[in-house]
Amino acid sequence: MAWVYLVVAGVFEWGWPVGLKLGMTSAGLHWGWIGFAVICMVASGTCLLIAQKTIPMGTAYAVWTGIGAVGAFVIGILWFAEAATLLRFFFVGMIVAGIIGLKMVSTS
């Protein structure tokens, strides 16, 4: 069950960079998006806290940030027209390989 919490924590990690990106524009602050970012931060941290009860801290943190980074990468490409280059995909693939590797060698 700890791994489920860890994946959920990683998914909530996607919300806060999106909220911060949309929360500040040339027109000023958009408090709804900033609030969304804060809610995602709290939810993500709470799920990470629960996951770390049984998953080693270093493993949990690496997987958590990896899921967040990969998700933010995909969201950036799909919704914010960020560059979708072969090298970017290669290096994100290395992050995914690291997440899978850590899960495979985890003792929890």
C-alpha atoms as a PDB file:
ATOM      1  CA  MET A   1       0.000   0.000   0.000  1.00  0.00           C
ATOM      2  CA  ALA A   2       2.955   2.328   0.640  1.00  0.00           C
ATOM      3  CA  TRP A   3       3.847   2.255  -3.059  1.00  0.00           C
ATOM      4  CA  VAL A   4       0.309   3.342  -3.944  1.00  0.00           C
ATOM      5  CA  TYR A   5       0.693   6.321  -1.613  1.00  0.00           C
ATOM      6  CA  LEU A   6       4.054   7.078  -3.183  1.00  0.00           C
ATOM      7  CA  VAL A   7       2.634   7.058  -6.713  1.00  0.00           C
ATOM      8  CA  VAL A   8      -0.283   9.260  -5.600  1.00  0.00           C
ATOM      9  CA  ALA A   9       2.235  11.624  -3.982  1.00  0.00           C
ATOM     10  CA  GLY A  10       4.126  11.768  -7.275  1.00  0.00           C
ATOM     11  CA  VAL A  11       0.947  12.536  -9.204  1.00  0.00           C
ATOM     12  CA  PHE A  12       0.110  15.384  -6.816  1.00  0.00           C
ATOM     13  CA  GLU A  13       3.603  16.686  -7.550  1.00  0.00           C
ATOM     14  CA  TRP A  14       2.385  17.456 -11.066  1.00  0.00           C
ATOM     15  CA  GLY A  15      -0.163  19.924  -9.737  1.00  0.00           C
ATOM     16  CA  TRP A  16       2.053  22.417  -8.050  1.00  0.00           C
ATOM     17  CA  PRO A  17       4.293  23.393 -10.993  1.00  0.00           C
ATOM     18  CA  VAL A  18       1.156  23.724 -13.135  1.00  0.00           C
ATOM     19  CA  GLY A  19      -0.520  25.847 -10.479  1.00  0.00           C
ATOM     20  CA  LEU A  20       2.530  28.061 -10.122  1.00  0.00           C
ATOM     21  CA  LYS A  21       2.949  28.432 -13.893  1.00  0.00           C
ATOM     22  CA  LEU A  22      -0.688  29.469 -14.308  1.00  0.00           C
ATOM     23  CA  GLY A  23      -0.724  31.455 -11.069  1.00  0.00           C
ATOM     24  CA  MET A  24       1.565  34.210 -12.273  1.00  0.00           C
ATOM     25  CA  THR A  25       0.948  35.991 -15.559  1.00  0.00           C
ATOM     26  CA  SER A  26       1.596  39.425 -16.968  1.00  0.00           C
ATOM     27  CA  ALA A  27      -1.910  40.302 -15.757  1.00  0.00           C
ATOM     28  CA  GLY A  28      -0.906  39.529 -12.171  1.00  0.00           C
ATOM     29  CA  LEU A  29      -1.499  36.780  -9.634  1.00  0.00           C
ATOM     30  CA  HIS A  30      -4.265  34.240 -10.046  1.00  0.00           C
ATOM     31  CA  TRP A  31      -4.957  33.112  -6.490  1.00  0.00           C
ATOM     32  CA  GLY A  32      -7.072  30.129  -7.528  1.00  0.00           C
ATOM     33  CA  TRP A  33      -4.125  28.557  -9.324  1.00  0.00           C
ATOM     34  CA  ILE A  34      -1.752  29.407  -6.511  1.00  0.00           C
ATOM     35  CA  GLY A  35      -4.209  27.800  -4.068  1.00  0.00           C
ATOM     36  CA  PHE A  36      -4.344  24.734  -6.305  1.00  0.00           C
ATOM     37  CA  ALA A  37      -0.540  24.542  -6.169  1.00  0.00           C
ATOM     38  CA  VAL A  38      -0.526  24.761  -2.366  1.00  0.00           C
ATOM     39  CA  ILE A  39      -3.208  22.057  -2.054  1.00  0.00           C
ATOM     40  CA  CYS A  40      -1.175  19.794  -4.339  1.00  0.00           C
ATOM     41  CA  MET A  41       1.963  20.441  -2.277  1.00  0.00           C
ATOM     42  CA  VAL A  42       0.215  19.515   0.967  1.00  0.00           C
ATOM     43  CA  ALA A  43      -1.435  16.422  -0.531  1.00  0.00           C
ATOM     44  CA  SER A  44       1.838  15.298  -2.087  1.00  0.00           C
ATOM     45  CA  GLY A  45       3.788  15.774   1.120  1.00  0.00           C
ATOM     46  CA  THR A  46       1.150  13.969   3.157  1.00  0.00           C
ATOM     47  CA  CYS A  47       1.180  10.944   0.850  1.00  0.00           C
ATOM     48  CA  LEU A  48       4.994  10.935   0.882  1.00  0.00           C
ATOM     49  CA  LEU A  49       4.918  11.016   4.685  1.00  0.00           C
ATOM     50  CA  ILE A  50       2.684   7.941   4.754  1.00  0.00           C
ATOM     51  CA  ALA A  51       4.745   6.102   2.137  1.00  0.00           C
ATOM     52  CA  GLN A  52       7.970   6.676   4.071  1.00  0.00           C
ATOM     53  CA  LYS A  53       6.648   4.651   6.985  1.00  0.00           C
ATOM     54  CA  THR A  54       7.762   1.517   5.125  1.00  0.00           C
ATOM     55  CA  ILE A  55       9.709   2.655   2.050  1.00  0.00           C
ATOM     56  CA  PRO A  56      13.262   3.865   2.764  1.00  0.00           C
ATOM     57  CA  MET A  57      13.499   7.639   2.709  1.00  0.00           C
ATOM     58  CA  GLY A  58      16.074   7.840  -0.093  1.00  0.00           C
ATOM     59  CA  THR A  59      14.097   5.490  -2.326  1.00  0.00           C
ATOM     60  CA  ALA A  60      10.801   7.238  -1.597  1.00  0.00           C
ATOM     61  CA  TYR A  61      12.246  10.677  -2.270  1.00  0.00           C
ATOM     62  CA  ALA A  62      13.934   9.645  -5.517  1.00  0.00           C
ATOM     63  CA  VAL A  63      10.787   7.958  -6.834  1.00  0.00           C
ATOM     64  CA  TRP A  64       8.563  10.842  -5.684  1.00  0.00           C
ATOM     65  CA  THR A  65      10.649  13.494  -7.415  1.00  0.00           C
ATOM     66  CA  GLY A  66      11.080  11.265 -10.469  1.00  0.00           C
ATOM     67  CA  ILE A  67       7.344  10.792 -10.911  1.00  0.00           C
ATOM     68  CA  GLY A  68       6.869  14.522 -10.440  1.00  0.00           C
ATOM     69  CA  ALA A  69       9.575  15.388 -12.955  1.00  0.00           C
ATOM     70  CA  VAL A  70       8.316  12.978 -15.610  1.00  0.00           C
ATOM     71  CA  GLY A  71       4.739  14.158 -15.170  1.00  0.00           C
ATOM     72  CA  ALA A  72       5.706  17.821 -15.343  1.00  0.00           C
ATOM     73  CA  PHE A  73       7.739  17.062 -18.471  1.00  0.00           C
ATOM     74  CA  VAL A  74       4.752  15.422 -20.199  1.00  0.00           C
ATOM     75  CA  ILE A  75       2.316  18.138 -19.094  1.00  0.00           C
ATOM     76  CA  GLY A  76       4.737  20.793 -20.337  1.00  0.00           C
ATOM     77  CA  ILE A  77       4.812  19.213 -23.772  1.00  0.00           C
ATOM     78  CA  LEU A  78       1.077  18.499 -24.019  1.00  0.00           C
ATOM     79  CA  TRP A  79      -0.366  21.713 -22.543  1.00  0.00           C
ATOM     80  CA  PHE A  80       2.360  24.337 -22.623  1.00  0.00           C
ATOM     81  CA  ALA A  81       3.951  23.601 -26.017  1.00  0.00           C
ATOM     82  CA  GLU A  82       7.387  22.908 -24.551  1.00  0.00           C
ATOM     83  CA  ALA A  83      10.065  21.321 -26.719  1.00  0.00           C
ATOM     84  CA  ALA A  84       9.603  17.609 -27.482  1.00  0.00           C
ATOM     85  CA  THR A  85      13.108  16.743 -28.612  1.00  0.00           C
ATOM     86  CA  LEU A  86      14.620  13.294 -28.822  1.00  0.00           C
ATOM     87  CA  LEU A  87      17.309  14.126 -26.266  1.00  0.00           C
ATOM     88  CA  ARG A  88      14.744  15.383 -23.740  1.00  0.00           C
ATOM     89  CA  PHE A  89      12.795  12.130 -24.118  1.00  0.00           C
ATOM     90  CA  PHE A  90      16.009  10.114 -23.780  1.00  0.00           C
ATOM     91  CA  PHE A  91      16.961  11.742 -20.496  1.00  0.00           C
ATOM     92  CA  VAL A  92      13.426  11.529 -19.088  1.00  0.00           C
ATOM     93  CA  GLY A  93      13.548   7.856 -20.068  1.00  0.00           C
ATOM     94  CA  MET A  94      16.616   7.553 -17.856  1.00  0.00           C
ATOM     95  CA  ILE A  95      14.583   8.947 -14.954  1.00  0.00           C
ATOM     96  CA  VAL A  96      11.851   6.386 -15.651  1.00  0.00           C
ATOM     97  CA  ALA A  97      14.475   3.614 -15.736  1.00  0.00           C
ATOM     98  CA  GLY A  98      15.737   4.803 -12.355  1.00  0.00           C
ATOM     99  CA  ILE A  99      12.228   4.759 -10.868  1.00  0.00           C
ATOM    100  CA  ILE A 100      11.629   1.226 -12.162  1.00  0.00           C
ATOM    101  CA  GLY A 101      15.043   0.115 -10.925  1.00  0.00           C
ATOM    102  CA  LEU A 102      14.437   1.467  -7.443  1.00  0.00           C
ATOM    103  CA  LYS A 103      11.081  -0.311  -7.286  1.00  0.00           C
ATOM    104  CA  MET A 104      12.694  -3.567  -8.402  1.00  0.00           C
ATOM    105  CA  VAL A 105      15.392  -3.482  -5.740  1.00  0.00           C
ATOM    106  CA  SER A 106      13.164  -2.160  -2.947  1.00  0.00           C
ATOM    107  CA  THR A 107      12.777  -4.393   0.070  1.00  0.00           C
ATOM    108  CA  SER A 108       9.443  -2.936   1.191  1.00  0.00           C
END
